[in-house]
Every structure is written in structure tokens, then in C-alpha cells.
Amino acid sequence: MPGVRVQLIDGEYAGSITTVREAWHTRSLQEPPDVYLVEHPLGSGKLQVPASAVALVCEDN
């Protein structure tokens, strides 16, 4: 999932579009990742967010 563009839909940066850098499982490897490390919306490092706080972005090419 690294490189995928997502929109933050919850929290302080809701509405921001960013890029996933890492995804990992804290509960079960049989389910989708439940935590993502994304580029910080303000460009100052990375931000850890729960999977429930992101939505995939469909970008027109």
C-alpha cells in the first residue's frame, strides 16, 4: 500500500490529501492493515493514523 494517495477523513487534518508510506497490522495478518504511516499534510515528517481515518483518493490522470 505504500505510495497510495489517501484523504484524511477524521482528526485535525481531515480533508488533507497525502501519501501512505507504511501500513501495518496490530491485530491480525488475515485482515487489512489497521494503522497507516502517511506523509504529514504540512510536509513536516510523517503522521500515524488509524485505517478508519483514511479514504482512497481516485485521481484522474
PDB file of N, CA and C in Angstrom:
ATOM      1  N   MET A   1       0.800  -1.193   0.000  1.00  0.00           N
ATOM      2  CA  MET A   1       0.000   0.000   0.000  1.00  0.00           C
ATOM      3  C   MET A   1       0.856   1.276   0.000  1.00  0.00           C
ATOM      4  N   PRO A   2       2.144   1.208   0.262  1.00  0.00           N
ATOM      5  CA  PRO A   2       2.958   2.419   0.175  1.00  0.00           C
ATOM      6  C   PRO A   2       2.829   3.086  -1.194  1.00  0.00           C
ATOM      7  N   GLY A   3       2.757   4.406  -1.185  1.00  0.00           N
ATOM      8  CA  GLY A   3       2.624   5.171  -2.418  1.00  0.00           C
ATOM      9  C   GLY A   3       1.195   5.508  -2.790  1.00  0.00           C
ATOM     10  N   VAL A   4       0.225   4.886  -2.139  1.00  0.00           N
ATOM     11  CA  VAL A   4      -1.182   5.123  -2.439  1.00  0.00           C
ATOM     12  C   VAL A   4      -1.599   6.475  -1.870  1.00  0.00           C
ATOM     13  N   ARG A   5      -2.355   7.234  -2.655  1.00  0.00           N
ATOM     14  CA  ARG A   5      -2.860   8.534  -2.206  1.00  0.00           C
ATOM     15  C   ARG A   5      -4.150   8.325  -1.423  1.00  0.00           C
ATOM     16  N   VAL A   6      -4.239   8.980  -0.276  1.00  0.00           N
ATOM     17  CA  VAL A   6      -5.420   8.880   0.578  1.00  0.00           C
ATOM     18  C   VAL A   6      -5.828  10.271   1.056  1.00  0.00           C
ATOM     19  N   GLN A   7      -7.094  10.364   1.441  1.00  0.00           N
ATOM     20  CA  GLN A   7      -7.587  11.587   2.064  1.00  0.00           C
ATOM     21  C   GLN A   7      -7.862  11.289   3.521  1.00  0.00           C
ATOM     22  N   LEU A   8      -7.385  12.153   4.394  1.00  0.00           N
ATOM     23  CA  LEU A   8      -7.666  12.003   5.818  1.00  0.00           C
ATOM     24  C   LEU A   8      -9.102  12.453   6.046  1.00  0.00           C
ATOM     25  N   ILE A   9      -9.905  11.603   6.682  1.00  0.00           N
ATOM     26  CA  ILE A   9     -11.326  11.907   6.854  1.00  0.00           C
ATOM     27  C   ILE A   9     -11.710  12.128   8.308  1.00  0.00           C
ATOM     28  N   ASP A  10     -10.732  12.078   9.193  1.00  0.00           N
ATOM     29  CA  ASP A  10     -11.003  12.262  10.613  1.00  0.00           C
ATOM     30  C   ASP A  10      -9.790  12.914  11.269  1.00  0.00           C
ATOM     31  N   GLY A  11     -10.022  13.647  12.310  1.00  0.00           N
ATOM     32  CA  GLY A  11      -8.919  14.235  13.065  1.00  0.00           C
ATOM     33  C   GLY A  11      -8.569  15.645  12.630  1.00  0.00           C
ATOM     34  N   GLU A  12      -7.483  16.130  13.176  1.00  0.00           N
ATOM     35  CA  GLU A  12      -7.044  17.512  12.976  1.00  0.00           C
ATOM     36  C   GLU A  12      -6.804  17.865  11.509  1.00  0.00           C
ATOM     37  N   TYR A  13      -6.358  16.902  10.713  1.00  0.00           N
ATOM     38  CA  TYR A  13      -6.020  17.170   9.319  1.00  0.00           C
ATOM     39  C   TYR A  13      -7.062  16.626   8.346  1.00  0.00           C
ATOM     40  N   ALA A  14      -8.292  16.423   8.809  1.00  0.00           N
ATOM     41  CA  ALA A  14      -9.372  15.922   7.948  1.00  0.00           C
ATOM     42  C   ALA A  14      -9.494  16.803   6.706  1.00  0.00           C
ATOM     43  N   GLY A  15      -9.628  16.148   5.559  1.00  0.00           N
ATOM     44  CA  GLY A  15      -9.724  16.847   4.285  1.00  0.00           C
ATOM     45  C   GLY A  15      -8.410  16.906   3.535  1.00  0.00           C
ATOM     46  N   SER A  16      -7.306  16.699   4.215  1.00  0.00           N
ATOM     47  CA  SER A  16      -5.985  16.731   3.581  1.00  0.00           C
ATOM     48  C   SER A  16      -5.756  15.470   2.761  1.00  0.00           C
ATOM     49  N   ILE A  17      -5.104  15.638   1.621  1.00  0.00           N
ATOM     50  CA  ILE A  17      -4.718  14.501   0.787  1.00  0.00           C
ATOM     51  C   ILE A  17      -3.227  14.289   0.970  1.00  0.00           C
ATOM     52  N   THR A  18      -2.845  13.026   1.176  1.00  0.00           N
ATOM     53  CA  THR A  18      -1.454  12.698   1.467  1.00  0.00           C
ATOM     54  C   THR A  18      -1.123  11.327   0.885  1.00  0.00           C
ATOM     55  N   THR A  19       0.073  10.834   1.143  1.00  0.00           N
ATOM     56  CA  THR A  19       0.544   9.563   0.593  1.00  0.00           C
ATOM     57  C   THR A  19       0.919   8.597   1.708  1.00  0.00           C
ATOM     58  N   VAL A  20       0.495   7.347   1.559  1.00  0.00           N
ATOM     59  CA  VAL A  20       0.844   6.303   2.528  1.00  0.00           C
ATOM     60  C   VAL A  20       2.316   5.943   2.355  1.00  0.00           C
ATOM     61  N   ARG A  21       3.057   5.853   3.446  1.00  0.00           N
ATOM     62  CA  ARG A  21       4.454   5.430   3.438  1.00  0.00           C
ATOM     63  C   ARG A  21       4.607   4.018   3.980  1.00  0.00           C
ATOM     64  N   GLU A  22       3.798   3.654   4.969  1.00  0.00           N
ATOM     65  CA  GLU A  22       3.832   2.308   5.542  1.00  0.00           C
ATOM     66  C   GLU A  22       2.432   1.938   6.003  1.00  0.00           C
ATOM     67  N   ALA A  23       2.175   0.640   6.052  1.00  0.00           N
ATOM     68  CA  ALA A  23       0.918   0.129   6.601  1.00  0.00           C
ATOM     69  C   ALA A  23       1.254  -1.104   7.417  1.00  0.00           C
ATOM     70  N   TRP A  24       0.599  -1.270   8.558  1.00  0.00           N
ATOM     71  CA  TRP A  24       0.873  -2.452   9.356  1.00  0.00           C
ATOM     72  C   TRP A  24      -0.356  -2.907  10.117  1.00  0.00           C
ATOM     73  N   HIS A  25      -0.247  -4.131  10.590  1.00  0.00           N
ATOM     74  CA  HIS A  25      -1.324  -4.788  11.332  1.00  0.00           C
ATOM     75  C   HIS A  25      -0.969  -4.802  12.813  1.00  0.00           C
ATOM     76  N   THR A  26      -1.913  -4.430  13.647  1.00  0.00           N
ATOM     77  CA  THR A  26      -1.684  -4.544  15.086  1.00  0.00           C
ATOM     78  C   THR A  26      -2.530  -5.654  15.680  1.00  0.00           C
ATOM     79  N   ARG A  27      -3.481  -6.169  14.891  1.00  0.00           N
ATOM     80  CA  ARG A  27      -4.373  -7.214  15.390  1.00  0.00           C
ATOM     81  C   ARG A  27      -4.179  -8.545  14.673  1.00  0.00           C
ATOM     82  N   SER A  28      -4.431  -8.580  13.367  1.00  0.00           N
ATOM     83  CA  SER A  28      -4.400  -9.848  12.642  1.00  0.00           C
ATOM     84  C   SER A  28      -3.826  -9.652  11.246  1.00  0.00           C
ATOM     85  N   LEU A  29      -2.956 -10.557  10.836  1.00  0.00           N
ATOM     86  CA  LEU A  29      -2.402 -10.505   9.479  1.00  0.00           C
ATOM     87  C   LEU A  29      -3.415 -10.945   8.438  1.00  0.00           C
ATOM     88  N   GLN A  30      -4.517 -11.532   8.873  1.00  0.00           N
ATOM     89  CA  GLN A  30      -5.548 -12.017   7.957  1.00  0.00           C
ATOM     90  C   GLN A  30      -6.505 -10.906   7.523  1.00  0.00           C
ATOM     91  N   GLU A  31      -6.416  -9.748   8.130  1.00  0.00           N
ATOM     92  CA  GLU A  31      -7.295  -8.626   7.825  1.00  0.00           C
ATOM     93  C   GLU A  31      -6.477  -7.495   7.205  1.00  0.00           C
ATOM     94  N   PRO A  32      -7.154  -6.518   6.593  1.00  0.00           N
ATOM     95  CA  PRO A  32      -6.417  -5.368   6.041  1.00  0.00           C
ATOM     96  C   PRO A  32      -5.648  -4.632   7.138  1.00  0.00           C
ATOM     97  N   PRO A  33      -4.621  -3.868   6.765  1.00  0.00           N
ATOM     98  CA  PRO A  33      -3.874  -3.098   7.762  1.00  0.00           C
ATOM     99  C   PRO A  33      -4.811  -2.199   8.564  1.00  0.00           C
ATOM    100  N   ASP A  34      -4.480  -1.978   9.821  1.00  0.00           N
ATOM    101  CA  ASP A  34      -5.329  -1.118  10.647  1.00  0.00           C
ATOM    102  C   ASP A  34      -4.620   0.153  11.103  1.00  0.00           C
ATOM    103  N   VAL A  35      -3.368   0.327  10.706  1.00  0.00           N
ATOM    104  CA  VAL A  35      -2.624   1.549  11.022  1.00  0.00           C
ATOM    105  C   VAL A  35      -1.798   1.938   9.790  1.00  0.00           C
ATOM    106  N   TYR A  36      -1.781   3.234   9.501  1.00  0.00           N
ATOM    107  CA  TYR A  36      -1.001   3.745   8.379  1.00  0.00           C
ATOM    108  C   TYR A  36      -0.053   4.839   8.850  1.00  0.00           C
ATOM    109  N   LEU A  37       1.104   4.871   8.238  1.00  0.00           N
ATOM    110  CA  LEU A  37       2.040   5.964   8.425  1.00  0.00           C
ATOM    111  C   LEU A  37       1.994   6.745   7.118  1.00  0.00           C
ATOM    112  N   VAL A  38       1.541   7.993   7.182  1.00  0.00           N
ATOM    113  CA  VAL A  38       1.377   8.809   5.983  1.00  0.00           C
ATOM    114  C   VAL A  38       2.291  10.021   6.062  1.00  0.00           C
ATOM    115  N   GLU A  39       2.530  10.635   4.903  1.00  0.00           N
ATOM    116  CA  GLU A  39       3.282  11.887   4.891  1.00  0.00           C
ATOM    117  C   GLU A  39       2.459  12.925   5.640  1.00  0.00           C
ATOM    118  N   HIS A  40       3.114  13.706   6.470  1.00  0.00           N
ATOM    119  CA  HIS A  40       2.412  14.751   7.220  1.00  0.00           C
ATOM    120  C   HIS A  40       1.833  15.764   6.232  1.00  0.00           C
ATOM    121  N   PRO A  41       0.568  16.138   6.393  1.00  0.00           N
ATOM    122  CA  PRO A  41      -0.058  17.085   5.462  1.00  0.00           C
ATOM    123  C   PRO A  41       0.665  18.428   5.347  1.00  0.00           C
ATOM    124  N   LEU A  42       1.398  18.821   6.369  1.00  0.00           N
ATOM    125  CA  LEU A  42       2.126  20.090   6.317  1.00  0.00           C
ATOM    126  C   LEU A  42       3.568  19.910   5.849  1.00  0.00           C
ATOM    127  N   GLY A  43       3.920  18.672   5.457  1.00  0.00           N
ATOM    128  CA  GLY A  43       5.254  18.408   4.937  1.00  0.00           C
ATOM    129  C   GLY A  43       6.337  18.300   5.982  1.00  0.00           C
ATOM    130  N   SER A  44       5.960  18.109   7.228  1.00  0.00           N
ATOM    131  CA  SER A  44       6.955  18.076   8.307  1.00  0.00           C
ATOM    132  C   SER A  44       7.123  16.681   8.898  1.00  0.00           C
ATOM    133  N   GLY A  45       7.395  15.702   8.069  1.00  0.00           N
ATOM    134  CA  GLY A  45       7.613  14.346   8.568  1.00  0.00           C
ATOM    135  C   GLY A  45       6.465  13.413   8.244  1.00  0.00           C
ATOM    136  N   LYS A  46       6.158  12.547   9.200  1.00  0.00           N
ATOM    137  CA  LYS A  46       5.129  11.529   8.991  1.00  0.00           C
ATOM    138  C   LYS A  46       4.106  11.593  10.113  1.00  0.00           C
ATOM    139  N   LEU A  47       2.924  11.016   9.852  1.00  0.00           N
ATOM    140  CA  LEU A  47       1.818  11.035  10.791  1.00  0.00           C
ATOM    141  C   LEU A  47       1.230   9.632  10.854  1.00  0.00           C
ATOM    142  N   GLN A  48       1.041   9.098  12.042  1.00  0.00           N
ATOM    143  CA  GLN A  48       0.435   7.776  12.216  1.00  0.00           C
ATOM    144  C   GLN A  48      -1.070   7.954  12.384  1.00  0.00           C
ATOM    145  N   VAL A  49      -1.851   7.231  11.572  1.00  0.00           N
ATOM    146  CA  VAL A  49      -3.309   7.353  11.634  1.00  0.00           C
ATOM    147  C   VAL A  49      -3.955   5.974  11.582  1.00  0.00           C
ATOM    148  N   PRO A  50      -5.126   5.813  12.204  1.00  0.00           N
ATOM    149  CA  PRO A  50      -5.842   4.543  12.101  1.00  0.00           C
ATOM    150  C   PRO A  50      -6.447   4.399  10.710  1.00  0.00           C
ATOM    151  N   ALA A  51      -6.655   3.170  10.280  1.00  0.00           N
ATOM    152  CA  ALA A  51      -7.231   2.914   8.961  1.00  0.00           C
ATOM    153  C   ALA A  51      -8.600   3.567   8.805  1.00  0.00           C
ATOM    154  N   SER A  52      -9.337   3.691   9.887  1.00  0.00           N
ATOM    155  CA  SER A  52     -10.669   4.298   9.824  1.00  0.00           C
ATOM    156  C   SER A  52     -10.621   5.796   9.529  1.00  0.00           C
ATOM    157  N   ALA A  53      -9.444   6.396   9.570  1.00  0.00           N
ATOM    158  CA  ALA A  53      -9.305   7.838   9.351  1.00  0.00           C
ATOM    159  C   ALA A  53      -8.867   8.185   7.935  1.00  0.00           C
ATOM    160  N   VAL A  54      -8.798   7.188   7.030  1.00  0.00           N
ATOM    161  CA  VAL A  54      -8.372   7.464   5.657  1.00  0.00           C
ATOM    162  C   VAL A  54      -9.356   6.888   4.646  1.00  0.00           C
ATOM    163  N   ALA A  55      -9.398   7.522   3.471  1.00  0.00           N
ATOM    164  CA  ALA A  55     -10.185   7.032   2.342  1.00  0.00           C
ATOM    165  C   ALA A  55      -9.299   7.113   1.107  1.00  0.00           C
ATOM    166  N   LEU A  56      -9.410   6.132   0.227  1.00  0.00           N
ATOM    167  CA  LEU A  56      -8.630   6.146  -1.006  1.00  0.00           C
ATOM    168  C   LEU A  56      -9.033   7.328  -1.866  1.00  0.00           C
ATOM    169  N   VAL A  57      -8.073   7.893  -2.568  1.00  0.00           N
ATOM    170  CA  VAL A  57      -8.324   9.022  -3.460  1.00  0.00           C
ATOM    171  C   VAL A  57      -8.262   8.510  -4.886  1.00  0.00           C
ATOM    172  N   CYS A  58      -9.255   8.846  -5.672  1.00  0.00           N
ATOM    173  CA  CYS A  58      -9.263   8.497  -7.093  1.00  0.00           C
ATOM    174  C   CYS A  58      -8.788   9.729  -7.847  1.00  0.00           C
ATOM    175  N   GLU A  59      -7.613   9.631  -8.456  1.00  0.00           N
ATOM    176  CA  GLU A  59      -7.049  10.770  -9.170  1.00  0.00           C
ATOM    177  C   GLU A  59      -7.142  10.540 -10.667  1.00  0.00           C
ATOM    178  N   ASP A  60      -7.624  11.544 -11.389  1.00  0.00           N
ATOM    179  CA  ASP A  60      -7.682  11.472 -12.846  1.00  0.00           C
ATOM    180  C   ASP A  60      -6.297  11.737 -13.404  1.00  0.00           C
ATOM    181  N   ASN A  61      -5.885  10.911 -14.360  1.00  0.00           N
ATOM    182  CA  ASN A  61      -4.571  11.106 -14.989  1.00  0.00           C
ATOM    183  C   ASN A  61      -4.727  11.726 -16.337  1.00  0.00           C
TER     184      ASN A  61
END
